[in-house]
């Protein structure tokens, strides 16, 4: 049953993916920071606009409070074979305040393995 639920939610049985685990430090401030603030580029030229919602941990202001959270974000590869990837760039858009103003700068995190 679990297998069928996964296939139903991701649309296929086999999938190549990259999962990135990170610690998210937060404050009690009213901010907007969701999975849509994250995108990924691979050394193969593939760009993934956001993590898969079903296979990634939640990240929204209801979850965020004044604490540190460990979150895993899963990016599905559509054009690349995971064995061909040796470098990633995780692009993180700055969170926004309640007036939709950025709270800092966008950052790129280069990951080599």
PDB file of N, CA and C in Angstrom:
ATOM      1  N   UNK A   1       0.814  -1.199   0.000  1.00  0.00           N
ATOM      2  CA  UNK A   1       0.000   0.000   0.000  1.00  0.00           C
ATOM      3  C   UNK A   1       0.862   1.269   0.000  1.00  0.00           C
ATOM      4  N   UNK A   2       1.941   1.275   0.796  1.00  0.00           N
ATOM      5  CA  UNK A   2       2.824   2.439   0.836  1.00  0.00           C
ATOM      6  C   UNK A   2       3.422   2.685  -0.537  1.00  0.00           C
ATOM      7  N   UNK A   3       3.875   1.612  -1.194  1.00  0.00           N
ATOM      8  CA  UNK A   3       4.466   1.717  -2.527  1.00  0.00           C
ATOM      9  C   UNK A   3       3.480   2.361  -3.503  1.00  0.00           C
ATOM     10  N   UNK A   4       2.224   1.944  -3.471  1.00  0.00           N
ATOM     11  CA  UNK A   4       1.203   2.506  -4.359  1.00  0.00           C
ATOM     12  C   UNK A   4       0.969   3.980  -4.062  1.00  0.00           C
ATOM     13  N   UNK A   5       0.985   4.355  -2.792  1.00  0.00           N
ATOM     14  CA  UNK A   5       0.796   5.755  -2.413  1.00  0.00           C
ATOM     15  C   UNK A   5       1.939   6.614  -2.936  1.00  0.00           C
ATOM     16  N   UNK A   6       3.157   6.121  -2.825  1.00  0.00           N
ATOM     17  CA  UNK A   6       4.313   6.861  -3.332  1.00  0.00           C
ATOM     18  C   UNK A   6       4.199   7.040  -4.840  1.00  0.00           C
ATOM     19  N   UNK A   7       3.907   5.965  -5.567  1.00  0.00           N
ATOM     20  CA  UNK A   7       3.775   6.058  -7.028  1.00  0.00           C
ATOM     21  C   UNK A   7       2.677   7.043  -7.400  1.00  0.00           C
ATOM     22  N   UNK A   8       1.561   6.994  -6.703  1.00  0.00           N
ATOM     23  CA  UNK A   8       0.452   7.905  -6.988  1.00  0.00           C
ATOM     24  C   UNK A   8       0.883   9.358  -6.796  1.00  0.00           C
ATOM     25  N   UNK A   9       1.663   9.637  -5.764  1.00  0.00           N
ATOM     26  CA  UNK A   9       2.048  11.011  -5.457  1.00  0.00           C
ATOM     27  C   UNK A   9       3.216  11.538  -6.276  1.00  0.00           C
ATOM     28  N   UNK A  10       4.099  10.657  -6.741  1.00  0.00           N
ATOM     29  CA  UNK A  10       5.217  11.156  -7.551  1.00  0.00           C
ATOM     30  C   UNK A  10       5.030  10.862  -9.032  1.00  0.00           C
ATOM     31  N   UNK A  11       4.039  10.045  -9.372  1.00  0.00           N
ATOM     32  CA  UNK A  11       3.687   9.841 -10.767  1.00  0.00           C
ATOM     33  C   UNK A  11       4.449   8.764 -11.502  1.00  0.00           C
ATOM     34  N   UNK A  12       5.356   8.080 -10.830  1.00  0.00           N
ATOM     35  CA  UNK A  12       6.111   7.012 -11.490  1.00  0.00           C
ATOM     36  C   UNK A  12       6.784   6.131 -10.444  1.00  0.00           C
ATOM     37  N   UNK A  13       7.238   4.973 -10.896  1.00  0.00           N
ATOM     38  CA  UNK A  13       7.846   4.016  -9.974  1.00  0.00           C
ATOM     39  C   UNK A  13       9.335   4.254  -9.778  1.00  0.00           C
ATOM     40  N   UNK A  14      10.045   4.578 -10.843  1.00  0.00           N
ATOM     41  CA  UNK A  14      11.490   4.801 -10.767  1.00  0.00           C
ATOM     42  C   UNK A  14      11.780   6.284 -10.920  1.00  0.00           C
ATOM     43  N   UNK A  15      12.645   6.788 -10.067  1.00  0.00           N
ATOM     44  CA  UNK A  15      12.995   8.202 -10.142  1.00  0.00           C
ATOM     45  C   UNK A  15      14.450   8.381  -9.701  1.00  0.00           C
ATOM     46  N   UNK A  16      15.166   9.216 -10.417  1.00  0.00           N
ATOM     47  CA  UNK A  16      16.518   9.619 -10.028  1.00  0.00           C
ATOM     48  C   UNK A  16      16.354  10.927  -9.260  1.00  0.00           C
ATOM     49  N   UNK A  17      17.064  11.051  -8.146  1.00  0.00           N
ATOM     50  CA  UNK A  17      16.897  12.258  -7.347  1.00  0.00           C
ATOM     51  C   UNK A  17      18.153  12.584  -6.556  1.00  0.00           C
ATOM     52  N   UNK A  18      18.188  13.830  -6.098  1.00  0.00           N
ATOM     53  CA  UNK A  18      19.214  14.307  -5.185  1.00  0.00           C
ATOM     54  C   UNK A  18      18.485  14.799  -3.942  1.00  0.00           C
ATOM     55  N   UNK A  19      18.914  14.343  -2.775  1.00  0.00           N
ATOM     56  CA  UNK A  19      18.338  14.799  -1.507  1.00  0.00           C
ATOM     57  C   UNK A  19      19.402  15.579  -0.742  1.00  0.00           C
ATOM     58  N   UNK A  20      19.038  16.755  -0.278  1.00  0.00           N
ATOM     59  CA  UNK A  20      19.959  17.612   0.466  1.00  0.00           C
ATOM     60  C   UNK A  20      19.384  17.848   1.856  1.00  0.00           C
ATOM     61  N   UNK A  21      20.172  17.503   2.865  1.00  0.00           N
ATOM     62  CA  UNK A  21      19.775  17.752   4.248  1.00  0.00           C
ATOM     63  C   UNK A  21      20.449  19.009   4.757  1.00  0.00           C
ATOM     64  N   UNK A  22      19.721  19.803   5.520  1.00  0.00           N
ATOM     65  CA  UNK A  22      20.268  21.049   6.032  1.00  0.00           C
ATOM     66  C   UNK A  22      19.625  21.420   7.364  1.00  0.00           C
ATOM     67  N   UNK A  23      20.320  22.241   8.113  1.00  0.00           N
ATOM     68  CA  UNK A  23      19.765  22.796   9.344  1.00  0.00           C
ATOM     69  C   UNK A  23      19.234  24.188   9.026  1.00  0.00           C
ATOM     70  N   UNK A  24      18.004  24.448   9.411  1.00  0.00           N
ATOM     71  CA  UNK A  24      17.383  25.747   9.192  1.00  0.00           C
ATOM     72  C   UNK A  24      17.226  26.420  10.546  1.00  0.00           C
ATOM     73  N   UNK A  25      17.890  27.550  10.722  1.00  0.00           N
ATOM     74  CA  UNK A  25      17.769  28.323  11.963  1.00  0.00           C
ATOM     75  C   UNK A  25      16.741  29.418  11.741  1.00  0.00           C
ATOM     76  N   UNK A  26      15.848  29.567  12.691  1.00  0.00           N
ATOM     77  CA  UNK A  26      14.745  30.504  12.509  1.00  0.00           C
ATOM     78  C   UNK A  26      14.608  31.423  13.713  1.00  0.00           C
ATOM     79  N   UNK A  27      13.808  32.450  13.532  1.00  0.00           N
ATOM     80  CA  UNK A  27      13.483  33.359  14.623  1.00  0.00           C
ATOM     81  C   UNK A  27      11.963  33.416  14.734  1.00  0.00           C
ATOM     82  N   UNK A  28      11.473  34.165  15.657  1.00  0.00           N
ATOM     83  CA  UNK A  28      10.038  34.269  15.870  1.00  0.00           C
ATOM     84  C   UNK A  28       9.418  35.337  14.973  1.00  0.00           C
ATOM     85  N   UNK A  29      10.202  35.890  14.069  1.00  0.00           N
ATOM     86  CA  UNK A  29       9.756  36.926  13.162  1.00  0.00           C
ATOM     87  C   UNK A  29       8.770  36.359  12.142  1.00  0.00           C
ATOM     88  N   UNK A  30       7.826  37.170  11.689  1.00  0.00           N
ATOM     89  CA  UNK A  30       6.860  36.756  10.676  1.00  0.00           C
ATOM     90  C   UNK A  30       7.539  36.846   9.308  1.00  0.00           C
ATOM     91  N   UNK A  31       7.946  35.690   8.770  1.00  0.00           N
ATOM     92  CA  UNK A  31       8.662  35.660   7.497  1.00  0.00           C
ATOM     93  C   UNK A  31       7.994  34.694   6.537  1.00  0.00           C
ATOM     94  N   UNK A  32       8.355  34.833   5.282  1.00  0.00           N
ATOM     95  CA  UNK A  32       7.930  33.888   4.255  1.00  0.00           C
ATOM     96  C   UNK A  32       9.178  33.187   3.729  1.00  0.00           C
ATOM     97  N   UNK A  33       9.264  31.881   3.977  1.00  0.00           N
ATOM     98  CA  UNK A  33      10.376  31.075   3.485  1.00  0.00           C
ATOM     99  C   UNK A  33       9.860  29.662   3.298  1.00  0.00           C
ATOM    100  N   UNK A  34       9.743  29.251   2.037  1.00  0.00           N
ATOM    101  CA  UNK A  34       9.153  27.955   1.709  1.00  0.00           C
ATOM    102  C   UNK A  34      10.077  27.183   0.773  1.00  0.00           C
ATOM    103  N   UNK A  35       9.674  25.982   0.392  1.00  0.00           N
ATOM    104  CA  UNK A  35      10.450  25.186  -0.570  1.00  0.00           C
ATOM    105  C   UNK A  35      10.644  25.929  -1.886  1.00  0.00           C
ATOM    106  N   UNK A  36       9.712  26.807  -2.225  1.00  0.00           N
ATOM    107  CA  UNK A  36       9.824  27.549  -3.481  1.00  0.00           C
ATOM    108  C   UNK A  36      10.991  28.537  -3.472  1.00  0.00           C
ATOM    109  N   UNK A  37      11.586  28.771  -2.319  1.00  0.00           N
ATOM    110  CA  UNK A  37      12.775  29.622  -2.235  1.00  0.00           C
ATOM    111  C   UNK A  37      14.048  28.858  -2.611  1.00  0.00           C
ATOM    112  N   UNK A  38      13.924  27.553  -2.878  1.00  0.00           N
ATOM    113  CA  UNK A  38      15.078  26.704  -3.170  1.00  0.00           C
ATOM    114  C   UNK A  38      15.032  26.207  -4.606  1.00  0.00           C
ATOM    115  N   UNK A  39      16.166  26.230  -5.280  1.00  0.00           N
ATOM    116  CA  UNK A  39      16.295  25.619  -6.604  1.00  0.00           C
ATOM    117  C   UNK A  39      17.679  24.983  -6.689  1.00  0.00           C
ATOM    118  N   UNK A  40      17.860  24.118  -7.687  1.00  0.00           N
ATOM    119  CA  UNK A  40      19.099  23.349  -7.787  1.00  0.00           C
ATOM    120  C   UNK A  40      19.570  23.309  -9.230  1.00  0.00           C
ATOM    121  N   UNK A  41      20.873  23.451  -9.418  1.00  0.00           N
ATOM    122  CA  UNK A  41      21.494  23.281 -10.732  1.00  0.00           C
ATOM    123  C   UNK A  41      22.569  22.207 -10.610  1.00  0.00           C
ATOM    124  N   UNK A  42      22.701  21.382 -11.647  1.00  0.00           N
ATOM    125  CA  UNK A  42      23.698  20.306 -11.635  1.00  0.00           C
ATOM    126  C   UNK A  42      24.805  20.606 -12.633  1.00  0.00           C
ATOM    127  N   UNK A  43      25.928  19.907 -12.492  1.00  0.00           N
ATOM    128  CA  UNK A  43      27.029  20.063 -13.443  1.00  0.00           C
ATOM    129  C   UNK A  43      26.652  19.554 -14.834  1.00  0.00           C
ATOM    130  N   UNK A  44      25.559  18.805 -14.958  1.00  0.00           N
ATOM    131  CA  UNK A  44      25.104  18.321 -16.267  1.00  0.00           C
ATOM    132  C   UNK A  44      24.262  19.364 -16.992  1.00  0.00           C
ATOM    133  N   UNK A  45      23.995  20.498 -16.334  1.00  0.00           N
ATOM    134  CA  UNK A  45      23.217  21.565 -16.942  1.00  0.00           C
ATOM    135  C   UNK A  45      21.744  21.548 -16.577  1.00  0.00           C
ATOM    136  N   UNK A  46      21.324  20.546 -15.836  1.00  0.00           N
ATOM    137  CA  UNK A  46      19.914  20.481 -15.442  1.00  0.00           C
ATOM    138  C   UNK A  46      19.629  21.484 -14.330  1.00  0.00           C
ATOM    139  N   UNK A  47      18.485  22.162 -14.450  1.00  0.00           N
ATOM    140  CA  UNK A  47      18.041  23.097 -13.424  1.00  0.00           C
ATOM    141  C   UNK A  47      16.674  22.659 -12.928  1.00  0.00           C
ATOM    142  N   UNK A  48      16.525  22.579 -11.618  1.00  0.00           N
ATOM    143  CA  UNK A  48      15.286  22.119 -11.004  1.00  0.00           C
ATOM    144  C   UNK A  48      14.746  23.276 -10.174  1.00  0.00           C
ATOM    145  N   UNK A  49      13.540  23.721 -10.487  1.00  0.00           N
ATOM    146  CA  UNK A  49      13.016  24.965  -9.920  1.00  0.00           C
ATOM    147  C   UNK A  49      12.637  24.887  -8.451  1.00  0.00           C
ATOM    148  N   UNK A  50      12.299  23.699  -7.949  1.00  0.00           N
ATOM    149  CA  UNK A  50      11.985  23.566  -6.522  1.00  0.00           C
ATOM    150  C   UNK A  50      11.984  22.091  -6.139  1.00  0.00           C
ATOM    151  N   UNK A  51      12.138  21.799  -4.854  1.00  0.00           N
ATOM    152  CA  UNK A  51      12.113  20.405  -4.414  1.00  0.00           C
ATOM    153  C   UNK A  51      10.720  19.800  -4.590  1.00  0.00           C
ATOM    154  N   UNK A  52      10.674  18.483  -4.703  1.00  0.00           N
ATOM    155  CA  UNK A  52       9.406  17.775  -4.791  1.00  0.00           C
ATOM    156  C   UNK A  52       8.670  17.900  -3.459  1.00  0.00           C
ATOM    157  N   UNK A  53       7.426  18.345  -3.508  1.00  0.00           N
ATOM    158  CA  UNK A  53       6.657  18.592  -2.286  1.00  0.00           C
ATOM    159  C   UNK A  53       6.377  17.316  -1.504  1.00  0.00           C
ATOM    160  N   UNK A  54       6.085  16.222  -2.191  1.00  0.00           N
ATOM    161  CA  UNK A  54       5.732  14.978  -1.501  1.00  0.00           C
ATOM    162  C   UNK A  54       6.936  14.341  -0.824  1.00  0.00           C
ATOM    163  N   UNK A  55       8.095  14.400  -1.464  1.00  0.00           N
ATOM    164  CA  UNK A  55       9.279  13.704  -0.955  1.00  0.00           C
ATOM    165  C   UNK A  55      10.190  14.592  -0.096  1.00  0.00           C
ATOM    166  N   UNK A  56       9.816  15.857   0.096  1.00  0.00           N
ATOM    167  CA  UNK A  56      10.632  16.778   0.894  1.00  0.00           C
ATOM    168  C   UNK A  56       9.927  17.121   2.199  1.00  0.00           C
ATOM    169  N   UNK A  57      10.735  17.512   3.178  1.00  0.00           N
ATOM    170  CA  UNK A  57      10.166  17.975   4.443  1.00  0.00           C
ATOM    171  C   UNK A  57       9.456  19.301   4.234  1.00  0.00           C
ATOM    172  N   UNK A  58       8.490  19.559   5.093  1.00  0.00           N
ATOM    173  CA  UNK A  58       7.765  20.819   5.042  1.00  0.00           C
ATOM    174  C   UNK A  58       8.627  21.977   5.505  1.00  0.00           C
ATOM    175  N   UNK A  59       8.360  23.123   4.934  1.00  0.00           N
ATOM    176  CA  UNK A  59       9.063  24.340   5.329  1.00  0.00           C
ATOM    177  C   UNK A  59       8.122  25.502   5.065  1.00  0.00           C
ATOM    178  N   UNK A  60       7.434  25.923   6.089  1.00  0.00           N
ATOM    179  CA  UNK A  60       6.564  27.082   5.968  1.00  0.00           C
ATOM    180  C   UNK A  60       6.509  27.790   7.306  1.00  0.00           C
ATOM    181  N   UNK A  61       5.917  28.967   7.331  1.00  0.00           N
ATOM    182  CA  UNK A  61       5.979  29.739   8.568  1.00  0.00           C
ATOM    183  C   UNK A  61       5.169  29.119   9.694  1.00  0.00           C
ATOM    184  N   UNK A  62       4.274  28.177   9.399  1.00  0.00           N
ATOM    185  CA  UNK A  62       3.584  27.457  10.465  1.00  0.00           C
ATOM    186  C   UNK A  62       4.551  26.522  11.188  1.00  0.00           C
ATOM    187  N   UNK A  63       5.529  25.985  10.460  1.00  0.00           N
ATOM    188  CA  UNK A  63       6.524  25.085  11.045  1.00  0.00           C
ATOM    189  C   UNK A  63       7.616  25.889  11.735  1.00  0.00           C
ATOM    190  N   UNK A  64       7.946  27.019  11.138  1.00  0.00           N
ATOM    191  CA  UNK A  64       9.055  27.815  11.648  1.00  0.00           C
ATOM    192  C   UNK A  64       8.667  28.559  12.917  1.00  0.00           C
ATOM    193  N   UNK A  65       9.562  28.613  13.823  1.00  0.00           N
ATOM    194  CA  UNK A  65       9.428  29.367  15.057  1.00  0.00           C
ATOM    195  C   UNK A  65      10.831  29.695  15.496  1.00  0.00           C
ATOM    196  N   UNK A  66      11.022  30.005  16.733  1.00  0.00           N
ATOM    197  CA  UNK A  66      12.369  30.329  17.192  1.00  0.00           C
ATOM    198  C   UNK A  66      13.084  29.041  17.585  1.00  0.00           C
ATOM    199  N   UNK A  67      13.713  28.405  16.597  1.00  0.00           N
ATOM    200  CA  UNK A  67      14.412  27.142  16.844  1.00  0.00           C
ATOM    201  C   UNK A  67      15.287  26.779  15.654  1.00  0.00           C
ATOM    202  N   UNK A  68      15.875  25.600  15.714  1.00  0.00           N
ATOM    203  CA  UNK A  68      16.646  25.055  14.598  1.00  0.00           C
ATOM    204  C   UNK A  68      15.973  23.768  14.158  1.00  0.00           C
ATOM    205  N   UNK A  69      15.788  23.626  12.862  1.00  0.00           N
ATOM    206  CA  UNK A  69      15.128  22.455  12.302  1.00  0.00           C
ATOM    207  C   UNK A  69      16.060  21.755  11.329  1.00  0.00           C
ATOM    208  N   UNK A  70      16.018  20.439  11.306  1.00  0.00           N
ATOM    209  CA  UNK A  70      16.715  19.672  10.280  1.00  0.00           C
ATOM    210  C   UNK A  70      15.678  19.346   9.210  1.00  0.00           C
ATOM    211  N   UNK A  71      15.973  19.686   7.978  1.00  0.00           N
ATOM    212  CA  UNK A  71      15.048  19.446   6.875  1.00  0.00           C
ATOM    213  C   UNK A  71      15.793  18.777   5.726  1.00  0.00           C
ATOM    214  N   UNK A  72      15.086  17.915   4.994  1.00  0.00           N
ATOM    215  CA  UNK A  72      15.628  17.262   3.803  1.00  0.00           C
ATOM    216  C   UNK A  72      14.771  17.680   2.619  1.00  0.00           C
ATOM    217  N   UNK A  73      15.441  18.117   1.555  1.00  0.00           N
ATOM    218  CA  UNK A  73      14.766  18.550   0.337  1.00  0.00           C
ATOM    219  C   UNK A  73      15.188  17.640  -0.809  1.00  0.00           C
ATOM    220  N   UNK A  74      14.209  17.094  -1.511  1.00  0.00           N
ATOM    221  CA  UNK A  74      14.456  16.121  -2.568  1.00  0.00           C
ATOM    222  C   UNK A  74      14.145  16.742  -3.924  1.00  0.00           C
ATOM    223  N   UNK A  75      15.137  16.741  -4.796  1.00  0.00           N
ATOM    224  CA  UNK A  75      15.008  17.290  -6.142  1.00  0.00           C
ATOM    225  C   UNK A  75      15.015  16.135  -7.135  1.00  0.00           C
ATOM    226  N   UNK A  76      13.953  15.992  -7.923  1.00  0.00           N
ATOM    227  CA  UNK A  76      13.876  14.934  -8.930  1.00  0.00           C
ATOM    228  C   UNK A  76      14.660  15.341 -10.169  1.00  0.00           C
ATOM    229  N   UNK A  77      15.452  14.415 -10.678  1.00  0.00           N
ATOM    230  CA  UNK A  77      16.211  14.637 -11.909  1.00  0.00           C
ATOM    231  C   UNK A  77      15.364  14.167 -13.086  1.00  0.00           C
ATOM    232  N   UNK A  78      15.163  15.029 -14.045  1.00  0.00           N
ATOM    233  CA  UNK A  78      14.386  14.688 -15.238  1.00  0.00           C
ATOM    234  C   UNK A  78      15.292  14.390 -16.425  1.00  0.00           C
ATOM    235  N   UNK A  79      16.453  15.061 -16.476  1.00  0.00           N
ATOM    236  CA  UNK A  79      17.313  14.982 -17.653  1.00  0.00           C
ATOM    237  C   UNK A  79      18.658  14.321 -17.371  1.00  0.00           C
ATOM    238  N   UNK A  80      18.982  14.098 -16.117  1.00  0.00           N
ATOM    239  CA  UNK A  80      20.319  13.627 -15.748  1.00  0.00           C
ATOM    240  C   UNK A  80      20.268  12.270 -15.083  1.00  0.00           C
ATOM    241  N   UNK A  81      21.376  11.555 -15.187  1.00  0.00           N
ATOM    242  CA  UNK A  81      21.579  10.318 -14.442  1.00  0.00           C
ATOM    243  C   UNK A  81      22.361  10.692 -13.187  1.00  0.00           C
ATOM    244  N   UNK A  82      21.909  10.236 -12.044  1.00  0.00           N
ATOM    245  CA  UNK A  82      22.544  10.615 -10.785  1.00  0.00           C
ATOM    246  C   UNK A  82      24.031  10.255 -10.766  1.00  0.00           C
ATOM    247  N   UNK A  83      24.420   9.201 -11.475  1.00  0.00           N
ATOM    248  CA  UNK A  83      25.829   8.796 -11.518  1.00  0.00           C
ATOM    249  C   UNK A  83      26.713   9.798 -12.255  1.00  0.00           C
ATOM    250  N   UNK A  84      26.122  10.662 -13.081  1.00  0.00           N
ATOM    251  CA  UNK A  84      26.885  11.657 -13.834  1.00  0.00           C
ATOM    252  C   UNK A  84      27.070  12.968 -13.069  1.00  0.00           C
ATOM    253  N   UNK A  85      26.440  13.079 -11.930  1.00  0.00           N
ATOM    254  CA  UNK A  85      26.486  14.336 -11.179  1.00  0.00           C
ATOM    255  C   UNK A  85      27.629  14.297 -10.168  1.00  0.00           C
ATOM    256  N   UNK A  86      28.475  15.334 -10.233  1.00  0.00           N
ATOM    257  CA  UNK A  86      29.551  15.453  -9.247  1.00  0.00           C
ATOM    258  C   UNK A  86      29.621  16.842  -8.630  1.00  0.00           C
ATOM    259  N   UNK A  87      28.734  17.718  -9.082  1.00  0.00           N
ATOM    260  CA  UNK A  87      28.688  19.066  -8.521  1.00  0.00           C
ATOM    261  C   UNK A  87      27.266  19.610  -8.608  1.00  0.00           C
ATOM    262  N   UNK A  88      26.844  20.288  -7.544  1.00  0.00           N
ATOM    263  CA  UNK A  88      25.519  20.902  -7.480  1.00  0.00           C
ATOM    264  C   UNK A  88      25.662  22.339  -7.010  1.00  0.00           C
ATOM    265  N   UNK A  89      24.714  23.174  -7.400  1.00  0.00           N
ATOM    266  CA  UNK A  89      24.593  24.508  -6.826  1.00  0.00           C
ATOM    267  C   UNK A  89      23.175  24.648  -6.298  1.00  0.00           C
ATOM    268  N   UNK A  90      23.063  24.823  -4.994  1.00  0.00           N
ATOM    269  CA  UNK A  90      21.777  25.061  -4.352  1.00  0.00           C
ATOM    270  C   UNK A  90      21.587  26.565  -4.264  1.00  0.00           C
ATOM    271  N   UNK A  91      20.547  27.069  -4.920  1.00  0.00           N
ATOM    272  CA  UNK A  91      20.246  28.500  -4.895  1.00  0.00           C
ATOM    273  C   UNK A  91      19.154  28.727  -3.853  1.00  0.00           C
ATOM    274  N   UNK A  92      19.420  29.628  -2.921  1.00  0.00           N
ATOM    275  CA  UNK A  92      18.474  29.929  -1.852  1.00  0.00           C
ATOM    276  C   UNK A  92      18.081  31.397  -1.962  1.00  0.00           C
ATOM    277  N   UNK A  93      16.813  31.637  -2.270  1.00  0.00           N
ATOM    278  CA  UNK A  93      16.306  33.003  -2.313  1.00  0.00           C
ATOM    279  C   UNK A  93      16.102  33.491  -0.885  1.00  0.00           C
ATOM    280  N   UNK A  94      16.401  34.743  -0.651  1.00  0.00           N
ATOM    281  CA  UNK A  94      16.248  35.319   0.685  1.00  0.00           C
ATOM    282  C   UNK A  94      14.794  35.236   1.136  1.00  0.00           C
ATOM    283  N   UNK A  95      14.578  34.931   2.414  1.00  0.00           N
ATOM    284  CA  UNK A  95      13.209  34.982   2.933  1.00  0.00           C
ATOM    285  C   UNK A  95      12.696  36.413   2.872  1.00  0.00           C
ATOM    286  N   UNK A  96      11.386  36.565   3.000  1.00  0.00           N
ATOM    287  CA  UNK A  96      10.777  37.887   2.935  1.00  0.00           C
ATOM    288  C   UNK A  96      10.016  38.173   4.221  1.00  0.00           C
ATOM    289  N   UNK A  97       9.937  39.458   4.566  1.00  0.00           N
ATOM    290  CA  UNK A  97       9.143  39.842   5.731  1.00  0.00           C
ATOM    291  C   UNK A  97       7.676  39.982   5.332  1.00  0.00           C
ATOM    292  N   UNK A  98       6.840  40.411   6.259  1.00  0.00           N
ATOM    293  CA  UNK A  98       5.402  40.504   5.988  1.00  0.00           C
ATOM    294  C   UNK A  98       5.070  41.559   4.939  1.00  0.00           C
ATOM    295  N   UNK A  99       6.006  42.475   4.651  1.00  0.00           N
ATOM    296  CA  UNK A  99       5.819  43.467   3.588  1.00  0.00           C
ATOM    297  C   UNK A  99       6.408  42.993   2.262  1.00  0.00           C
ATOM    298  N   UNK A 100       6.775  41.715   2.194  1.00  0.00           N
ATOM    299  CA  UNK A 100       7.365  41.079   1.011  1.00  0.00           C
ATOM    300  C   UNK A 100       8.707  41.684   0.616  1.00  0.00           C
ATOM    301  N   UNK A 101       9.432  42.221   1.606  1.00  0.00           N
ATOM    302  CA  UNK A 101      10.776  42.739   1.375  1.00  0.00           C
ATOM    303  C   UNK A 101      11.779  41.656   1.741  1.00  0.00           C
ATOM    304  N   UNK A 102      12.848  41.487   0.934  1.00  0.00           N
ATOM    305  CA  UNK A 102      13.847  40.459   1.241  1.00  0.00           C
ATOM    306  C   UNK A 102      14.561  40.740   2.560  1.00  0.00           C
ATOM    307  N   UNK A 103      14.816  39.681   3.298  1.00  0.00           N
ATOM    308  CA  UNK A 103      15.561  39.768   4.557  1.00  0.00           C
ATOM    309  C   UNK A 103      16.964  39.219   4.316  1.00  0.00           C
ATOM    310  N   UNK A 104      17.762  39.950   3.583  1.00  0.00           N
ATOM    311  CA  UNK A 104      19.107  39.499   3.253  1.00  0.00           C
ATOM    312  C   UNK A 104      19.257  39.309   1.756  1.00  0.00           C
ATOM    313  N   UNK A 105      20.317  38.629   1.397  1.00  0.00           N
ATOM    314  CA  UNK A 105      20.661  38.395  -0.003  1.00  0.00           C
ATOM    315  C   UNK A 105      20.393  36.942  -0.382  1.00  0.00           C
ATOM    316  N   UNK A 106      20.126  36.717  -1.665  1.00  0.00           N
ATOM    317  CA  UNK A 106      20.087  35.348  -2.174  1.00  0.00           C
ATOM    318  C   UNK A 106      21.499  34.770  -2.061  1.00  0.00           C
ATOM    319  N   UNK A 107      21.591  33.460  -1.850  1.00  0.00           N
ATOM    320  CA  UNK A 107      22.912  32.837  -1.787  1.00  0.00           C
ATOM    321  C   UNK A 107      22.950  31.580  -2.646  1.00  0.00           C
ATOM    322  N   UNK A 108      24.130  31.259  -3.122  1.00  0.00           N
ATOM    323  CA  UNK A 108      24.383  30.018  -3.845  1.00  0.00           C
ATOM    324  C   UNK A 108      25.353  29.188  -3.020  1.00  0.00           C
ATOM    325  N   UNK A 109      25.012  27.916  -2.835  1.00  0.00           N
ATOM    326  CA  UNK A 109      25.869  26.992  -2.105  1.00  0.00           C
ATOM    327  C   UNK A 109      26.360  25.945  -3.098  1.00  0.00           C
ATOM    328  N   UNK A 110      27.669  25.919  -3.342  1.00  0.00           N
ATOM    329  CA  UNK A 110      28.258  24.929  -4.245  1.00  0.00           C
ATOM    330  C   UNK A 110      28.602  23.674  -3.461  1.00  0.00           C
ATOM    331  N   UNK A 111      28.195  22.529  -3.999  1.00  0.00           N
ATOM    332  CA  UNK A 111      28.424  21.235  -3.355  1.00  0.00           C
ATOM    333  C   UNK A 111      29.160  20.347  -4.348  1.00  0.00           C
ATOM    334  N   UNK A 112      30.333  19.877  -3.965  1.00  0.00           N
ATOM    335  CA  UNK A 112      31.120  18.993  -4.819  1.00  0.00           C
ATOM    336  C   UNK A 112      31.293  17.656  -4.113  1.00  0.00           C
ATOM    337  N   UNK A 113      31.136  16.564  -4.869  1.00  0.00           N
ATOM    338  CA  UNK A 113      31.330  15.231  -4.291  1.00  0.00           C
ATOM    339  C   UNK A 113      31.858  14.273  -5.329  1.00  0.00           C
TER     340      UNK A 113
END
